[in-house]
Structures are given as C-alpha cells and as structure tokens.
Amino acid sequence: MVLAGLGISATVTLWAASSAGLDVEGRLEAAIYQEIVLGDLKGAAEQYQSVIRSSASKATAARALYRYARCLEKLEPRMKAYDIYLRLEKEYGDQPEAELARTRLANWEYPVAGPANLKFELGVAGKLPEGWFVPALPQDADHWAQLRRSGCMNRDSCAMVLVPENAPVQVGNLMQSFKATAYRGKTVRLTAWLRLETMGPEDRAQMWLGVDRADDKKGFFDDMSNRPVRSSEWTLSEIRARIDPDATSIKFGIMSIGKGRVWVDHVSFEVVPDNGLSHP
C-alpha cells in the first residue's frame, strides 16, 4: 500500500480509503497496519476506538483495547493508557491481552512526580483541564469534565465533573495519578471545595484518594462514601492519609455519582504533621 513518491499523509489517506467498508476484524487489522507500519499513531488510535465501540466480539475488543493503550503510551497524556490497561484487565480478564496489560501495569513508570494544576489555571474553558484525566476515550473526555472560567467559588478558574446523558455508567471521575516516592511514610491532606447541581435524589459528590503499593498490593483508600457532598453550597471536603512506606503511586479525584454536576475549586494536596493518625 505504500506507494513510491507519496508522503506519509497521502499514504495514510489512501490506506484509510482502501480499508473503508471492511468488517470489524478487517478494520482492526487495518488499524494495526496504520499504527505499526505507517506510524500514524493518532489515526490508528481513532480506528481502535471505532472497533472498540462496534465490536460484538470480546476477543476483538480486547485486542483493540490493548493496541489503543499502546498508542496512548506514545501520545500525551500517557496516563490515559494506564487507565485503558486497567479497564482491559478488569473487563477482559479471560483474554490473552489482559495478561499483556498486567505486565505493562507491573512495569509502569510514573513520569509525574506530584499533583499538577490544582487551581485549574491551565487549560481551555469547556475542555478537560490540563494535568487531569477521566476514565473515558479521548474524544469523549470533554463530556465528562470541563474547565470553567465562570461560576467558580471566588476565582475565574475551576472545574466541573458531570455524567453525559445516556452514559453507560452514572459516575463521572476527574482524577490524577503520580509517583508516591516523595510522600512515603508521610501524612498527606487532600482538600477541595465542592458543590453539587443536583438532578435527582441519588446525586452526590465524592472526593477520593487511593494508594498503590509494591507487588500489586493496595494501600490506603477513602472515597467519602460515608460522607458525600449533597449541598448546592460550596462545601470543604478533606481526606487525610499516611502513605505506605512501599507506596508506588498516589491517585485522587472527584466523582459525580448520579446525574448531577459537581463543581470543584481550590484543590490542595500537602504533607502535614502526623498528629497520631493511625496507619490504614
């Protein structure tokens, strides 16, 4: 398919045209060719997403998810690949690609040393805030969380977490993940101001913080399930945790559970005195 004298963009265009009309399996093979042979990672990622959405075969969807995650590892932000590997491991555990995903996760390196853009100063209004990600395909991300320049607490930058209409799950999750090295053995405090635009009686906002440890062990975890925010007024939420000595990564986020919209402002993550906090 690669014709002499043609540039990469022209070659990709011809390849896309020639692969149109293929069945799902054929489209997957075409996407793999586009990724590996043509080196068109962005175009291949889009094709993998199409296969994932339309495939009725679990084996095909698992292959597409794995290749999609490999593309994302080479694109930015890399942490979206991590989330796809987790999804593959959880939803397709009986497929060969799940074992490949577990290997990638076991050897994962966290390039981010700490939290970023906690005041939501970076990014474009109406788009996913920079430094944050959501458990969704890239083209859908802005439907799950958005940077806002109005309606904030007392600044011109905050974020909103929402659940799109007709979404398969009624949980929106705006999150970050970073290396735990600098925080091992220390007590940290995560705070954020939240308010809820409710659409139904089951709507609620929950902040969460979790720690991953060496050898796939789980450390501290708190998702505020026993103290969710249901108020339309700005409410301060707080989680304190002592980070495990063998912690590998720290994750935190804000969830919108139900159909409501959760506004988020003034996120803070800091090391604080222990004050007798017991180890989880």
Protein backbone atom coordinates (compact mmCIF):
# COMPACT_ATOMS: atom_id res chain seq x y z
CA MET A 1 0.00 0.00 0.00
CA VAL A 2 2.95 2.35 0.47
CA LEU A 3 3.48 3.90 -2.95
CA ALA A 4 6.80 5.33 -4.06
CA GLY A 5 6.87 9.09 -4.08
CA LEU A 6 3.95 9.54 -1.71
CA GLY A 7 4.38 11.29 1.65
CA ILE A 8 3.10 9.74 4.86
CA SER A 9 -0.10 11.80 4.91
CA ALA A 10 -1.02 10.79 1.36
CA THR A 11 -0.20 7.15 2.13
CA VAL A 12 -2.42 7.19 5.22
CA THR A 13 -5.25 8.77 3.23
CA LEU A 14 -5.03 6.05 0.57
CA TRP A 15 -4.86 3.35 3.21
CA ALA A 16 -7.92 4.71 5.03
CA ALA A 17 -9.85 4.83 1.76
CA SER A 18 -8.88 1.28 0.86
CA SER A 19 -9.85 -0.07 4.28
CA ALA A 20 -13.31 1.56 4.26
CA GLY A 21 -16.11 -0.97 4.17
CA LEU A 22 -14.14 -3.73 5.92
CA ASP A 23 -15.75 -5.76 8.68
CA VAL A 24 -14.71 -5.18 12.27
CA GLU A 25 -11.87 -7.71 12.14
CA GLY A 26 -10.61 -6.16 8.93
CA ARG A 27 -10.76 -2.68 10.42
CA LEU A 28 -8.73 -3.87 13.39
CA GLU A 29 -6.03 -5.31 11.14
CA ALA A 30 -6.05 -2.09 9.11
CA ALA A 31 -5.60 -0.06 12.31
CA ILE A 32 -2.67 -2.24 13.38
CA TYR A 33 -1.07 -1.68 9.97
CA GLN A 34 -1.69 2.04 10.32
CA GLU A 35 -0.02 2.05 13.75
CA ILE A 36 2.96 -0.23 13.20
CA VAL A 37 3.77 0.11 9.50
CA LEU A 38 2.68 3.65 8.72
CA GLY A 39 3.46 5.03 12.18
CA ASP A 40 0.23 7.03 12.25
CA LEU A 41 -0.49 6.71 15.99
CA LYS A 42 -3.28 9.28 16.15
CA GLY A 43 -5.12 7.84 13.16
CA ALA A 44 -4.69 4.29 14.45
CA ALA A 45 -5.97 5.30 17.89
CA GLU A 46 -9.13 6.69 16.29
CA GLN A 47 -9.63 3.43 14.37
CA TYR A 48 -9.12 1.35 17.52
CA GLN A 49 -11.79 3.42 19.28
CA SER A 50 -14.19 2.73 16.42
CA VAL A 51 -13.51 -1.00 16.65
CA ILE A 52 -13.98 -0.97 20.44
CA ARG A 53 -17.35 0.76 20.10
CA SER A 54 -18.69 -1.50 17.35
CA SER A 55 -17.21 -4.93 18.06
CA ALA A 56 -19.51 -7.66 19.34
CA SER A 57 -16.52 -9.97 19.82
CA LYS A 58 -14.84 -9.89 23.21
CA ALA A 59 -11.56 -11.11 21.70
CA THR A 60 -11.57 -8.38 19.05
CA ALA A 61 -12.43 -5.67 21.57
CA ALA A 62 -9.63 -6.84 23.88
CA ARG A 63 -7.08 -6.72 21.03
CA ALA A 64 -8.26 -3.26 20.05
CA LEU A 65 -8.10 -2.01 23.65
CA TYR A 66 -4.55 -3.26 24.06
CA ARG A 67 -3.33 -1.71 20.81
CA TYR A 68 -5.16 1.50 21.67
CA ALA A 69 -3.38 1.68 25.03
CA ARG A 70 -0.01 1.11 23.33
CA CYS A 71 -0.75 4.08 21.06
CA LEU A 72 -1.67 6.24 24.03
CA GLU A 73 1.59 5.37 25.79
CA LYS A 74 3.40 7.14 22.96
CA LEU A 75 0.98 10.06 22.84
CA GLU A 76 0.04 12.58 25.52
CA PRO A 77 -1.26 12.40 28.19
CA ARG A 78 0.31 8.99 28.85
CA MET A 79 -1.81 8.27 31.94
CA LYS A 80 -4.82 7.60 29.73
CA ALA A 81 -3.01 4.46 28.59
CA TYR A 82 -2.73 3.34 32.21
CA ASP A 83 -6.49 3.64 32.62
CA ILE A 84 -7.14 1.62 29.44
CA TYR A 85 -4.84 -1.16 30.73
CA LEU A 86 -6.84 -1.22 33.97
CA ARG A 87 -10.08 -1.49 32.01
CA LEU A 88 -8.66 -4.30 29.90
CA GLU A 89 -7.54 -6.19 32.99
CA LYS A 90 -10.92 -5.74 34.71
CA GLU A 91 -13.37 -6.29 31.84
CA TYR A 92 -11.43 -8.74 29.67
CA GLY A 93 -9.55 -10.78 32.25
CA ASP A 94 -10.06 -14.04 30.34
CA GLN A 95 -8.43 -12.70 27.16
CA PRO A 96 -4.69 -13.04 26.33
CA GLU A 97 -4.36 -9.25 26.10
CA ALA A 98 -5.32 -8.96 29.78
CA GLU A 99 -2.07 -10.68 30.74
CA LEU A 100 -0.16 -8.31 28.47
CA ALA A 101 -1.93 -5.41 30.19
CA ARG A 102 -0.96 -6.76 33.62
CA THR A 103 2.66 -6.89 32.51
CA ARG A 104 2.52 -3.27 31.31
CA LEU A 105 0.95 -2.20 34.62
CA ALA A 106 3.51 -4.13 36.69
CA ASN A 107 6.35 -2.32 34.95
CA TRP A 108 4.64 1.04 34.71
CA GLU A 109 6.75 4.11 35.35
CA TYR A 110 5.10 7.26 36.62
CA PRO A 111 6.70 10.27 34.95
CA VAL A 112 4.67 12.67 37.10
CA ALA A 113 6.32 13.34 40.45
CA GLY A 114 3.43 15.20 42.05
CA PRO A 115 -0.01 16.73 41.56
CA ALA A 116 -0.47 19.41 38.90
CA ASN A 117 -2.83 22.26 38.01
CA LEU A 118 -4.75 22.02 41.28
CA LYS A 119 -6.11 25.56 40.89
CA PHE A 120 -7.29 24.81 37.33
CA GLU A 121 -5.34 27.75 35.93
CA LEU A 122 -4.14 25.80 32.87
CA GLY A 123 -6.35 24.71 30.03
CA VAL A 124 -9.15 25.80 27.74
CA ALA A 125 -12.64 26.54 29.04
CA GLY A 126 -15.06 23.77 28.14
CA LYS A 127 -12.24 21.24 27.75
CA LEU A 128 -10.66 18.73 30.11
CA PRO A 129 -8.32 20.63 32.48
CA GLU A 130 -4.60 20.13 31.82
CA GLY A 131 -2.88 17.69 34.16
CA TRP A 132 -6.12 15.79 34.83
CA PHE A 133 -7.74 12.83 33.09
CA VAL A 134 -11.01 10.92 33.08
CA PRO A 135 -11.76 7.20 32.57
CA ALA A 136 -13.10 7.76 29.05
CA LEU A 137 -11.92 7.61 25.46
CA PRO A 138 -10.14 10.83 24.43
CA GLN A 139 -12.83 12.06 22.07
CA ASP A 140 -15.36 11.76 24.92
CA ALA A 141 -13.25 13.29 27.71
CA ASP A 142 -14.68 16.81 27.46
CA HIS A 143 -18.18 15.41 28.01
CA TRP A 144 -17.16 14.10 31.44
CA ALA A 145 -15.18 17.01 32.88
CA GLN A 146 -14.61 20.61 31.85
CA LEU A 147 -12.56 23.62 32.85
CA ARG A 148 -14.77 26.59 33.75
CA ARG A 149 -13.95 30.32 33.83
CA SER A 150 -17.20 31.43 35.49
CA GLY A 151 -19.41 30.18 38.29
CA CYS A 152 -16.34 29.41 40.41
CA MET A 153 -16.01 29.92 44.13
CA ASN A 154 -14.13 33.23 44.17
CA ARG A 155 -11.72 32.93 41.23
CA ASP A 156 -12.05 32.62 37.49
CA SER A 157 -10.85 29.01 37.24
CA CYS A 158 -12.49 25.83 38.49
CA ALA A 159 -13.76 22.55 37.07
CA MET A 160 -17.00 20.69 36.62
CA VAL A 161 -17.45 16.91 36.73
CA LEU A 162 -20.57 15.62 35.02
CA VAL A 163 -22.18 12.48 33.65
CA PRO A 164 -23.24 12.73 29.98
CA GLU A 165 -26.83 11.99 29.11
CA ASN A 166 -27.31 8.33 28.16
CA ALA A 167 -23.87 7.43 29.57
CA PRO A 168 -23.40 3.67 30.21
CA VAL A 169 -22.42 4.40 33.84
CA GLN A 170 -23.61 7.19 36.09
CA VAL A 171 -20.23 8.01 37.59
CA GLY A 172 -18.04 10.85 36.38
CA ASN A 173 -14.46 10.87 37.68
CA LEU A 174 -11.88 13.63 37.28
CA MET A 175 -8.53 12.38 38.56
CA GLN A 176 -4.74 12.50 38.76
CA SER A 177 -2.02 9.90 39.38
CA PHE A 178 1.63 10.43 40.26
CA LYS A 179 4.70 8.88 41.89
CA ALA A 180 4.48 8.22 45.64
CA THR A 181 8.25 8.31 46.25
CA ALA A 182 8.37 11.76 47.82
CA TYR A 183 5.43 11.01 50.13
CA ARG A 184 6.32 7.57 51.50
CA GLY A 185 5.86 7.33 55.28
CA LYS A 186 4.36 10.82 55.45
CA THR A 187 0.87 12.04 56.25
CA VAL A 188 -0.87 13.95 53.49
CA ARG A 189 -4.04 16.00 53.37
CA LEU A 190 -6.24 16.34 50.29
CA THR A 191 -8.85 19.10 50.33
CA ALA A 192 -11.22 20.58 47.79
CA TRP A 193 -14.27 22.81 47.75
CA LEU A 194 -17.23 21.04 46.14
CA ARG A 195 -20.81 21.92 45.35
CA LEU A 196 -23.49 19.86 43.67
CA GLU A 197 -26.01 20.80 40.99
CA THR A 198 -28.46 18.01 41.64
CA MET A 199 -30.72 16.43 39.02
CA GLY A 200 -32.13 13.65 41.19
CA PRO A 201 -32.36 12.34 44.78
CA GLU A 202 -29.45 9.91 44.34
CA ASP A 203 -26.96 12.51 43.11
CA ARG A 204 -23.87 13.12 45.21
CA ALA A 205 -20.28 14.33 45.03
CA GLN A 206 -17.41 12.31 46.47
CA MET A 207 -13.71 13.06 46.65
CA TRP A 208 -11.36 10.06 46.86
CA LEU A 209 -7.73 9.21 47.49
CA GLY A 210 -6.02 5.86 46.95
CA VAL A 211 -2.52 4.42 47.25
CA ASP A 212 -0.99 1.61 45.19
CA ARG A 213 1.82 -0.38 46.80
CA ALA A 214 4.55 -2.67 45.52
CA ASP A 215 3.63 -6.15 44.21
CA ASP A 216 0.09 -5.10 43.32
CA LYS A 217 -0.86 -4.52 46.95
CA LYS A 218 -3.45 -1.90 47.81
CA GLY A 219 -2.77 0.72 50.43
CA PHE A 220 -4.90 3.49 51.88
CA PHE A 221 -8.25 4.22 50.23
CA ASP A 222 -11.08 6.60 51.11
CA ASP A 223 -13.84 7.67 48.74
CA MET A 224 -16.02 9.59 51.21
CA SER A 225 -18.83 7.10 50.67
CA ASN A 226 -19.94 7.69 54.27
CA ARG A 227 -19.91 11.49 53.95
CA PRO A 228 -20.79 12.53 50.39
CA VAL A 229 -21.47 16.15 49.47
CA ARG A 230 -25.09 16.81 48.50
CA SER A 231 -25.24 20.55 49.05
CA SER A 232 -25.61 23.23 46.40
CA GLU A 233 -23.42 25.45 48.59
CA TRP A 234 -19.64 25.32 48.42
CA THR A 235 -18.52 22.65 50.90
CA LEU A 236 -14.98 21.91 52.08
CA SER A 237 -14.04 18.22 51.79
CA GLU A 238 -10.94 16.67 53.36
CA ILE A 239 -9.12 13.33 53.36
CA ARG A 240 -6.01 12.60 55.45
CA ALA A 241 -3.83 9.57 54.88
CA ARG A 242 -0.49 8.16 55.94
CA ILE A 243 1.25 6.95 52.80
CA ASP A 244 2.55 3.39 52.96
CA PRO A 245 6.38 3.01 53.09
CA ASP A 246 6.31 0.85 49.95
CA ALA A 247 3.81 3.02 48.05
CA THR A 248 4.39 3.26 44.30
CA SER A 249 1.68 5.69 43.23
CA ILE A 250 -0.94 8.02 44.64
CA LYS A 251 -4.25 8.70 42.93
CA PHE A 252 -7.00 11.10 43.81
CA GLY A 253 -10.06 12.53 42.18
CA ILE A 254 -13.57 13.91 42.38
CA MET A 255 -16.62 11.89 41.40
CA SER A 256 -20.09 12.88 40.29
CA ILE A 257 -22.37 9.96 41.12
CA GLY A 258 -25.83 10.02 39.57
CA LYS A 259 -26.91 12.63 37.04
CA GLY A 260 -25.79 15.79 38.80
CA ARG A 261 -22.92 18.17 38.13
CA VAL A 262 -20.12 18.62 40.63
CA TRP A 263 -18.22 21.91 40.75
CA VAL A 264 -14.64 21.71 42.04
CA ASP A 265 -12.42 24.56 43.24
CA HIS A 266 -9.29 25.16 45.34
CA VAL A 267 -7.90 21.63 45.35
CA SER A 268 -4.94 21.21 47.71
CA PHE A 269 -2.57 18.29 48.33
CA GLU A 270 0.07 18.74 51.04
CA VAL A 271 2.20 16.98 53.63
CA VAL A 272 1.01 17.67 57.20
CA PRO A 273 2.09 16.67 60.73
CA ASP A 274 1.09 13.13 61.65
CA ASN A 275 -0.96 14.06 64.74
CA GLY A 276 -1.36 10.44 65.72
CA LEU A 277 -3.06 9.35 62.50
CA SER A 278 -3.18 5.56 62.53
CA HIS A 279 -1.84 3.60 59.61
CA PRO A 280 -4.59 2.24 57.30
